[in-house]
Amino acid sequence: MSDKFEDDTDGSVAVQTKPKTKRPPLYKVMLLNDDYTPMEFVVHVLERFFGMNHSQAFEIMLTVHKKGLAVVGVFSHEIAETKVSQVMEFAQRHQHPLQCTMEKE
């Protein structure tokens, strides 16, 4: 009787190795406190540009107010850059001196 499933291999397994790709660096986006921007405007910015609900945005706004700054998100370079420019442009359009910055994590 012949074996229907003859094995022509020598038992070794071919493994294709993938080059390890380094994850792109992440960037913290931060809001800075000032004495002029209304707290409700900061809450609105956090809800609109960072997708926070009202209570999350309120807590972060208080952190900015009390500590001088708060990290509002961590993103890839391109997204962080976009968020910073959106917030800065929105604040300027509404004549508020709110500052938003980013730094490498």
N, C-alpha and C. Protein backbone atom coordinates (compact mmCIF):
# COMPACT_ATOMS: atom_id res chain seq x y z
N MET A 1 0.83 -1.16 0.00
CA MET A 1 0.00 0.00 0.00
C MET A 1 0.89 1.24 0.00
N SER A 2 0.59 2.21 -0.87
CA SER A 2 1.43 3.40 -0.94
C SER A 2 0.86 4.51 -0.08
N ASP A 3 1.74 5.32 0.43
CA ASP A 3 1.32 6.45 1.28
C ASP A 3 0.90 7.59 0.37
N LYS A 4 -0.37 8.03 0.48
CA LYS A 4 -0.88 9.12 -0.36
C LYS A 4 -0.20 10.45 -0.05
N PHE A 5 0.30 10.60 1.15
CA PHE A 5 0.86 11.89 1.59
C PHE A 5 2.36 11.80 1.76
N GLU A 6 3.04 11.52 0.70
CA GLU A 6 4.49 11.43 0.79
C GLU A 6 5.07 12.82 1.03
N ASP A 7 6.09 12.87 1.82
CA ASP A 7 6.69 14.14 2.20
C ASP A 7 8.05 14.25 1.53
N ASP A 8 8.20 15.23 0.64
CA ASP A 8 9.47 15.41 -0.06
C ASP A 8 10.42 16.33 0.69
N THR A 9 9.98 16.94 1.77
CA THR A 9 10.83 17.91 2.47
C THR A 9 11.79 17.22 3.40
N ASP A 10 12.81 17.96 3.79
CA ASP A 10 13.81 17.41 4.69
C ASP A 10 13.50 17.73 6.15
N GLY A 11 12.32 18.26 6.40
CA GLY A 11 11.92 18.56 7.77
C GLY A 11 12.24 19.98 8.21
N SER A 12 13.01 20.73 7.43
CA SER A 12 13.32 22.11 7.83
C SER A 12 12.16 23.03 7.45
N VAL A 13 12.02 24.07 8.19
CA VAL A 13 10.94 25.01 7.96
C VAL A 13 11.53 26.32 7.46
N ALA A 14 10.98 26.82 6.38
CA ALA A 14 11.44 28.11 5.86
C ALA A 14 10.74 29.22 6.64
N VAL A 15 11.53 30.09 7.21
CA VAL A 15 10.97 31.19 7.99
C VAL A 15 11.40 32.49 7.33
N GLN A 16 10.41 33.28 7.00
CA GLN A 16 10.72 34.58 6.42
C GLN A 16 10.81 35.59 7.56
N THR A 17 11.95 36.23 7.70
CA THR A 17 12.09 37.19 8.78
C THR A 17 11.76 38.58 8.27
N LYS A 18 11.01 39.29 9.08
CA LYS A 18 10.67 40.67 8.75
C LYS A 18 11.66 41.58 9.43
N PRO A 19 12.09 42.62 8.73
CA PRO A 19 12.98 43.57 9.41
C PRO A 19 12.18 44.29 10.50
N LYS A 20 12.81 44.47 11.64
CA LYS A 20 12.11 45.14 12.74
C LYS A 20 12.01 46.62 12.42
N THR A 21 10.77 47.09 12.37
CA THR A 21 10.58 48.51 12.11
C THR A 21 10.41 49.23 13.43
N LYS A 22 11.07 50.35 13.50
CA LYS A 22 11.00 51.14 14.72
C LYS A 22 9.71 51.94 14.71
N ARG A 23 9.03 51.98 15.85
CA ARG A 23 7.81 52.78 15.93
C ARG A 23 8.17 54.25 15.84
N PRO A 24 7.33 55.01 15.13
CA PRO A 24 7.64 56.44 15.04
C PRO A 24 7.50 57.09 16.42
N PRO A 25 8.29 58.11 16.67
CA PRO A 25 8.20 58.77 17.98
C PRO A 25 6.84 59.43 18.17
N LEU A 26 6.40 59.49 19.41
CA LEU A 26 5.13 60.13 19.72
C LEU A 26 5.39 61.49 20.34
N TYR A 27 4.41 62.35 20.23
CA TYR A 27 4.52 63.72 20.71
C TYR A 27 3.37 64.07 21.63
N LYS A 28 3.71 64.71 22.75
CA LYS A 28 2.70 65.18 23.70
C LYS A 28 2.21 66.53 23.24
N VAL A 29 0.89 66.69 23.22
CA VAL A 29 0.30 67.99 22.92
C VAL A 29 -0.15 68.57 24.26
N MET A 30 0.25 69.82 24.52
CA MET A 30 -0.03 70.44 25.82
C MET A 30 -0.72 71.79 25.65
N LEU A 31 -1.61 72.08 26.57
CA LEU A 31 -2.20 73.41 26.65
C LEU A 31 -1.54 74.13 27.81
N LEU A 32 -1.28 75.44 27.61
CA LEU A 32 -0.63 76.25 28.63
C LEU A 32 -1.63 77.25 29.21
N ASN A 33 -1.50 77.48 30.49
CA ASN A 33 -2.39 78.42 31.17
C ASN A 33 -2.03 79.87 30.83
N ASP A 34 -3.05 80.71 30.81
CA ASP A 34 -2.83 82.15 30.73
C ASP A 34 -3.91 82.82 31.57
N ASP A 35 -3.78 84.10 31.78
CA ASP A 35 -4.71 84.80 32.66
C ASP A 35 -5.92 85.39 31.94
N TYR A 36 -6.05 85.10 30.64
CA TYR A 36 -7.09 85.78 29.87
C TYR A 36 -8.10 84.86 29.20
N THR A 37 -7.68 83.68 28.78
CA THR A 37 -8.59 82.77 28.08
C THR A 37 -9.64 82.24 29.05
N PRO A 38 -10.92 82.39 28.73
CA PRO A 38 -11.97 81.89 29.63
C PRO A 38 -11.91 80.36 29.76
N MET A 39 -12.22 79.89 30.96
CA MET A 39 -12.18 78.46 31.23
C MET A 39 -13.12 77.70 30.30
N GLU A 40 -14.30 78.25 30.03
CA GLU A 40 -15.26 77.56 29.16
C GLU A 40 -14.73 77.43 27.73
N PHE A 41 -13.92 78.39 27.30
CA PHE A 41 -13.33 78.30 25.96
C PHE A 41 -12.35 77.13 25.92
N VAL A 42 -11.56 76.97 26.97
CA VAL A 42 -10.61 75.85 27.05
C VAL A 42 -11.37 74.53 27.03
N VAL A 43 -12.45 74.45 27.78
CA VAL A 43 -13.28 73.23 27.80
C VAL A 43 -13.80 72.95 26.38
N HIS A 44 -14.26 73.98 25.71
CA HIS A 44 -14.77 73.83 24.35
C HIS A 44 -13.68 73.31 23.40
N VAL A 45 -12.48 73.84 23.51
CA VAL A 45 -11.34 73.40 22.69
C VAL A 45 -11.06 71.92 22.93
N LEU A 46 -11.05 71.51 24.19
CA LEU A 46 -10.76 70.11 24.53
C LEU A 46 -11.84 69.17 23.98
N GLU A 47 -13.08 69.60 24.04
CA GLU A 47 -14.17 68.78 23.50
C GLU A 47 -14.08 68.71 21.97
N ARG A 48 -13.87 69.85 21.35
CA ARG A 48 -13.89 69.94 19.89
C ARG A 48 -12.70 69.28 19.21
N PHE A 49 -11.49 69.56 19.71
CA PHE A 49 -10.29 69.09 19.02
C PHE A 49 -9.69 67.81 19.58
N PHE A 50 -10.08 67.45 20.80
CA PHE A 50 -9.49 66.25 21.41
C PHE A 50 -10.53 65.20 21.78
N GLY A 51 -11.78 65.43 21.37
CA GLY A 51 -12.82 64.43 21.53
C GLY A 51 -13.18 64.07 22.96
N MET A 52 -12.95 64.98 23.88
CA MET A 52 -13.26 64.69 25.29
C MET A 52 -14.73 65.01 25.57
N ASN A 53 -15.27 64.27 26.54
CA ASN A 53 -16.62 64.64 26.99
C ASN A 53 -16.48 65.83 27.94
N HIS A 54 -17.60 66.41 28.34
CA HIS A 54 -17.55 67.64 29.13
C HIS A 54 -16.79 67.47 30.45
N SER A 55 -17.04 66.37 31.15
CA SER A 55 -16.38 66.21 32.46
C SER A 55 -14.88 65.99 32.31
N GLN A 56 -14.46 65.24 31.28
CA GLN A 56 -13.02 65.06 31.03
C GLN A 56 -12.38 66.41 30.71
N ALA A 57 -13.03 67.15 29.83
CA ALA A 57 -12.50 68.45 29.42
C ALA A 57 -12.42 69.40 30.60
N PHE A 58 -13.42 69.36 31.47
CA PHE A 58 -13.43 70.23 32.64
C PHE A 58 -12.26 69.90 33.58
N GLU A 59 -12.01 68.60 33.78
CA GLU A 59 -10.90 68.17 34.65
C GLU A 59 -9.55 68.62 34.09
N ILE A 60 -9.35 68.44 32.79
CA ILE A 60 -8.09 68.85 32.17
C ILE A 60 -7.94 70.37 32.25
N MET A 61 -9.02 71.09 32.00
CA MET A 61 -8.98 72.56 32.09
C MET A 61 -8.55 72.99 33.49
N LEU A 62 -9.07 72.32 34.52
CA LEU A 62 -8.66 72.66 35.90
C LEU A 62 -7.18 72.37 36.13
N THR A 63 -6.70 71.28 35.54
CA THR A 63 -5.27 70.96 35.66
C THR A 63 -4.43 72.05 35.01
N VAL A 64 -4.83 72.49 33.82
CA VAL A 64 -4.13 73.58 33.14
C VAL A 64 -4.14 74.82 34.02
N HIS A 65 -5.28 75.12 34.58
CA HIS A 65 -5.45 76.31 35.41
C HIS A 65 -4.59 76.26 36.67
N LYS A 66 -4.57 75.12 37.34
CA LYS A 66 -3.86 74.99 38.61
C LYS A 66 -2.36 74.75 38.45
N LYS A 67 -1.97 73.94 37.45
CA LYS A 67 -0.57 73.55 37.32
C LYS A 67 0.18 74.32 36.23
N GLY A 68 -0.54 75.09 35.44
CA GLY A 68 0.13 75.88 34.40
C GLY A 68 0.14 75.23 33.04
N LEU A 69 0.00 73.91 32.99
CA LEU A 69 -0.09 73.21 31.72
C LEU A 69 -0.61 71.81 31.96
N ALA A 70 -1.08 71.19 30.89
CA ALA A 70 -1.51 69.79 30.96
C ALA A 70 -1.33 69.14 29.61
N VAL A 71 -0.96 67.86 29.62
CA VAL A 71 -0.89 67.08 28.39
C VAL A 71 -2.33 66.72 28.03
N VAL A 72 -2.72 67.05 26.81
CA VAL A 72 -4.10 66.80 26.38
C VAL A 72 -4.20 65.65 25.39
N GLY A 73 -3.05 65.11 24.98
CA GLY A 73 -3.05 63.95 24.10
C GLY A 73 -1.64 63.62 23.65
N VAL A 74 -1.48 62.39 23.16
CA VAL A 74 -0.19 61.93 22.65
C VAL A 74 -0.46 61.36 21.25
N PHE A 75 0.29 61.87 20.27
CA PHE A 75 -0.01 61.55 18.88
C PHE A 75 1.28 61.39 18.08
N SER A 76 1.12 60.89 16.85
CA SER A 76 2.25 60.90 15.91
C SER A 76 2.58 62.36 15.60
N HIS A 77 3.75 62.59 15.01
CA HIS A 77 4.20 63.95 14.74
C HIS A 77 3.19 64.74 13.91
N GLU A 78 2.71 64.13 12.83
CA GLU A 78 1.81 64.84 11.92
C GLU A 78 0.50 65.21 12.60
N ILE A 79 -0.06 64.29 13.36
CA ILE A 79 -1.33 64.56 14.04
C ILE A 79 -1.14 65.61 15.13
N ALA A 80 -0.05 65.49 15.89
CA ALA A 80 0.23 66.48 16.94
C ALA A 80 0.38 67.87 16.33
N GLU A 81 1.11 67.96 15.25
CA GLU A 81 1.32 69.23 14.57
C GLU A 81 -0.01 69.84 14.10
N THR A 82 -0.86 68.99 13.56
CA THR A 82 -2.17 69.44 13.09
C THR A 82 -3.03 69.94 14.24
N LYS A 83 -3.04 69.19 15.35
CA LYS A 83 -3.84 69.59 16.52
C LYS A 83 -3.37 70.94 17.05
N VAL A 84 -2.06 71.11 17.16
CA VAL A 84 -1.50 72.37 17.67
C VAL A 84 -1.92 73.53 16.78
N SER A 85 -1.78 73.36 15.47
CA SER A 85 -2.13 74.48 14.58
C SER A 85 -3.63 74.74 14.57
N GLN A 86 -4.46 73.69 14.67
CA GLN A 86 -5.91 73.89 14.74
C GLN A 86 -6.30 74.68 15.98
N VAL A 87 -5.74 74.30 17.12
CA VAL A 87 -6.07 74.98 18.38
C VAL A 87 -5.59 76.43 18.35
N MET A 88 -4.36 76.64 17.89
CA MET A 88 -3.81 78.00 17.86
C MET A 88 -4.63 78.90 16.93
N GLU A 89 -4.99 78.38 15.77
CA GLU A 89 -5.76 79.17 14.81
C GLU A 89 -7.16 79.47 15.36
N PHE A 90 -7.77 78.49 16.01
CA PHE A 90 -9.10 78.66 16.60
C PHE A 90 -9.06 79.71 17.72
N ALA A 91 -8.03 79.64 18.57
CA ALA A 91 -7.89 80.60 19.66
C ALA A 91 -7.67 82.02 19.11
N GLN A 92 -6.82 82.15 18.11
CA GLN A 92 -6.57 83.47 17.52
C GLN A 92 -7.83 84.04 16.88
N ARG A 93 -8.58 83.17 16.20
CA ARG A 93 -9.81 83.62 15.54
C ARG A 93 -10.82 84.16 16.56
N HIS A 94 -10.77 83.58 17.78
CA HIS A 94 -11.68 84.02 18.84
C HIS A 94 -11.00 85.02 19.79
N GLN A 95 -9.84 85.51 19.38
CA GLN A 95 -9.09 86.54 20.09
C GLN A 95 -8.74 86.15 21.53
N HIS A 96 -8.28 84.89 21.68
CA HIS A 96 -7.80 84.40 22.98
C HIS A 96 -6.31 84.05 22.84
N PRO A 97 -5.52 84.32 23.86
CA PRO A 97 -4.09 84.05 23.79
C PRO A 97 -3.71 82.61 24.16
N LEU A 98 -4.66 81.69 24.14
CA LEU A 98 -4.40 80.29 24.51
C LEU A 98 -3.22 79.74 23.70
N GLN A 99 -2.30 79.08 24.40
CA GLN A 99 -1.13 78.49 23.75
C GLN A 99 -1.22 76.98 23.80
N CYS A 100 -0.86 76.36 22.67
CA CYS A 100 -0.85 74.91 22.55
C CYS A 100 0.51 74.55 21.96
N THR A 101 1.20 73.61 22.59
CA THR A 101 2.53 73.22 22.12
C THR A 101 2.64 71.71 22.05
N MET A 102 3.73 71.26 21.46
CA MET A 102 4.00 69.82 21.40
C MET A 102 5.47 69.57 21.71
N GLU A 103 5.73 68.41 22.28
CA GLU A 103 7.13 68.02 22.50
C GLU A 103 7.22 66.51 22.40
N LYS A 104 8.39 66.05 22.02
CA LYS A 104 8.64 64.62 21.86
C LYS A 104 8.48 63.92 23.20
N GLU A 105 7.83 62.78 23.18
CA GLU A 105 7.60 62.06 24.43
C GLU A 105 8.86 61.38 24.89
